[in-house]
Amino acid sequence: MLLLLATVTASAQTTSNDITGKWMAEDGSARFEIYKSGNEYRGKITWLKNPKGSKATDQRNPDKSLRNRPILGLEILTGLKYHPSENTWNGGRLYSPENGVYADASVTRVDINTIKIQGRKYGVAKTKTWKRYED
C-alpha cells in the first residue's frame, strides 16, 4: 500500500521537463515549441495563423538589423531554469515580436496540458495561457 501511495505521489509531482513540447496560444494565433538546450529551457515560434505565414518578419525589433529575420523559428523564450521549490521555470527572457519588447520571463504549469507564460518589464506583468497540442 505504501509503495502504491509513493508511486502515485511521485507521478503527480512536477518534473523539470514538464513544459517541453508543443503549445498553442490560447487564441489560436500561434504555435510554439519549448525544448531543453543544455541546462536551460527555450521556446520558438513554429506556426502563425497570420496570412503572411512564413513571410512574416520581425518588423518591430528595436535592433534595426534584425527586422528582416523571419518570425517562424524565432526563439522568443530563452534562459529559463526550473526551480522545484517554487514549481516554476524562471530567470529567462521573453521576446514579443508583436511589439518588439524584451521582458523577464517565467512559466508556471497549471496542469499537464496548460501553462502560463508571464512577461514582466518595469514592474508590469502580462500573462498568456498556452495549451498543449498534438500535430
Protein backbone atom coordinates (compact mmCIF):
# COMPACT_ATOMS: atom_id res chain seq x y z
CA MET A 1 0.00 0.00 0.00
CA LEU A 2 2.78 2.46 0.90
CA LEU A 3 4.58 1.64 -2.35
CA LEU A 4 1.44 2.39 -4.33
CA LEU A 5 0.93 5.69 -2.50
CA ALA A 6 4.57 6.69 -3.08
CA THR A 7 4.25 5.89 -6.82
CA VAL A 8 1.07 7.94 -7.21
CA THR A 9 2.57 10.87 -5.30
CA ALA A 10 5.78 10.80 -7.36
CA SER A 11 3.89 10.69 -10.66
CA ALA A 12 1.75 13.69 -9.63
CA GLN A 13 4.75 15.89 -8.87
CA THR A 14 6.03 18.28 -11.49
CA THR A 15 9.35 17.48 -13.13
CA SER A 16 11.69 19.92 -14.79
CA ASN A 17 10.77 18.70 -18.30
CA ASP A 18 7.00 19.17 -17.87
CA ILE A 19 6.94 22.26 -20.07
CA THR A 20 8.75 20.72 -23.04
CA GLY A 21 6.62 20.03 -26.08
CA LYS A 22 4.28 21.75 -28.50
CA TRP A 23 1.97 24.54 -27.35
CA MET A 24 -0.68 26.79 -28.87
CA ALA A 25 -1.59 30.33 -27.83
CA GLU A 26 -4.98 30.46 -26.15
CA ASP A 27 -6.43 32.50 -29.02
CA GLY A 28 -5.07 30.03 -31.63
CA SER A 29 -2.93 32.69 -33.32
CA ALA A 30 0.42 30.90 -32.97
CA ARG A 31 2.09 27.63 -32.02
CA PHE A 32 5.31 27.21 -30.09
CA GLU A 33 7.80 24.53 -29.14
CA ILE A 34 9.54 24.54 -25.77
CA TYR A 35 12.68 22.43 -25.53
CA LYS A 36 15.66 21.95 -23.28
CA SER A 37 19.03 23.17 -24.51
CA GLY A 38 21.90 22.46 -22.16
CA ASN A 39 20.71 23.44 -18.70
CA GLU A 40 18.04 25.90 -19.82
CA TYR A 41 14.64 25.87 -21.48
CA ARG A 42 13.96 27.74 -24.69
CA GLY A 43 10.92 28.32 -26.86
CA LYS A 44 10.42 29.18 -30.50
CA ILE A 45 7.53 30.06 -32.81
CA THR A 46 6.63 27.16 -35.11
CA TRP A 47 3.39 28.32 -36.78
CA LEU A 48 1.41 31.54 -37.28
CA LYS A 49 -2.24 31.94 -38.18
CA ASN A 50 -1.30 35.26 -39.76
CA PRO A 51 -1.96 35.17 -43.53
CA LYS A 52 1.66 36.23 -44.16
CA GLY A 53 2.74 32.89 -42.68
CA SER A 54 6.38 32.21 -43.37
CA LYS A 55 6.86 35.69 -44.88
CA ALA A 56 6.22 37.47 -41.56
CA THR A 57 9.31 39.28 -40.32
CA ASP A 58 10.39 40.83 -37.03
CA GLN A 59 9.41 44.37 -38.12
CA ARG A 60 9.15 45.83 -34.60
CA ASN A 61 12.52 44.66 -33.30
CA PRO A 62 14.37 47.51 -31.57
CA ASP A 63 17.54 46.40 -33.40
CA LYS A 64 17.01 47.58 -37.00
CA SER A 65 19.44 44.96 -38.32
CA LEU A 66 17.07 42.18 -37.10
CA ARG A 67 13.86 43.49 -38.63
CA ASN A 68 14.07 41.27 -41.72
CA ARG A 69 14.51 37.99 -39.83
CA PRO A 70 11.57 35.59 -40.15
CA ILE A 71 9.26 35.17 -37.19
CA LEU A 72 8.82 31.46 -37.89
CA GLY A 73 11.56 29.68 -35.99
CA LEU A 74 12.27 32.77 -33.88
CA GLU A 75 13.34 32.00 -30.31
CA ILE A 76 11.09 34.00 -28.02
CA LEU A 77 11.92 32.27 -24.72
CA THR A 78 15.50 31.85 -23.52
CA GLY A 79 17.35 31.16 -20.31
CA LEU A 80 14.53 29.56 -18.31
CA LYS A 81 15.61 27.35 -15.41
CA TYR A 82 13.44 25.07 -13.32
CA HIS A 83 13.09 25.95 -9.63
CA PRO A 84 11.46 22.98 -7.86
CA SER A 85 10.89 24.84 -4.60
CA GLU A 86 8.70 27.34 -6.49
CA ASN A 87 7.48 24.85 -9.11
CA THR A 88 8.24 27.43 -11.81
CA TRP A 89 10.66 27.98 -14.66
CA ASN A 90 12.08 31.49 -14.43
CA GLY A 91 15.19 33.61 -14.77
CA GLY A 92 14.74 33.77 -18.52
CA ARG A 93 13.84 36.31 -21.15
CA LEU A 94 10.74 36.63 -23.31
CA TYR A 95 10.65 38.48 -26.62
CA SER A 96 7.39 39.67 -28.16
CA PRO A 97 7.69 40.22 -31.92
CA GLU A 98 4.21 41.79 -31.84
CA ASN A 99 5.63 44.88 -30.16
CA GLY A 100 9.42 44.40 -30.19
CA VAL A 101 9.76 44.19 -26.40
CA TYR A 102 12.05 42.02 -24.28
CA ALA A 103 10.88 41.14 -20.76
CA ASP A 104 11.79 38.92 -17.81
CA ALA A 105 10.04 35.57 -18.23
CA SER A 106 8.56 32.89 -16.04
CA VAL A 107 6.46 29.82 -16.78
CA THR A 108 4.07 28.04 -14.45
CA ARG A 109 2.41 24.74 -15.23
CA VAL A 110 -1.32 24.83 -14.47
CA ASP A 111 -1.85 21.19 -15.44
CA ILE A 112 -0.34 18.66 -17.86
CA ASN A 113 -1.91 20.49 -20.84
CA THR A 114 -1.80 24.14 -19.73
CA ILE A 115 1.00 26.57 -18.93
CA LYS A 116 1.04 30.27 -18.08
CA ILE A 117 3.77 32.41 -19.64
CA GLN A 118 4.44 35.67 -17.84
CA GLY A 119 6.50 38.58 -19.11
CA ARG A 120 7.47 41.33 -16.68
CA LYS A 121 9.05 44.67 -17.54
CA TYR A 122 9.31 47.79 -15.38
CA GLY A 123 7.12 46.12 -12.75
CA VAL A 124 4.27 45.49 -15.16
CA ALA A 125 3.36 41.86 -15.85
CA LYS A 126 1.37 40.31 -18.67
CA THR A 127 0.37 36.65 -18.63
CA LYS A 128 -0.65 34.41 -21.55
CA THR A 129 -2.04 30.90 -21.44
CA TRP A 130 -0.78 28.20 -23.78
CA LYS A 131 -2.42 24.82 -24.34
CA ARG A 132 -0.59 21.64 -25.32
CA TYR A 133 -1.41 20.33 -28.80
CA GLU A 134 -0.55 17.36 -30.99
CA ASP A 135 0.09 17.50 -34.73
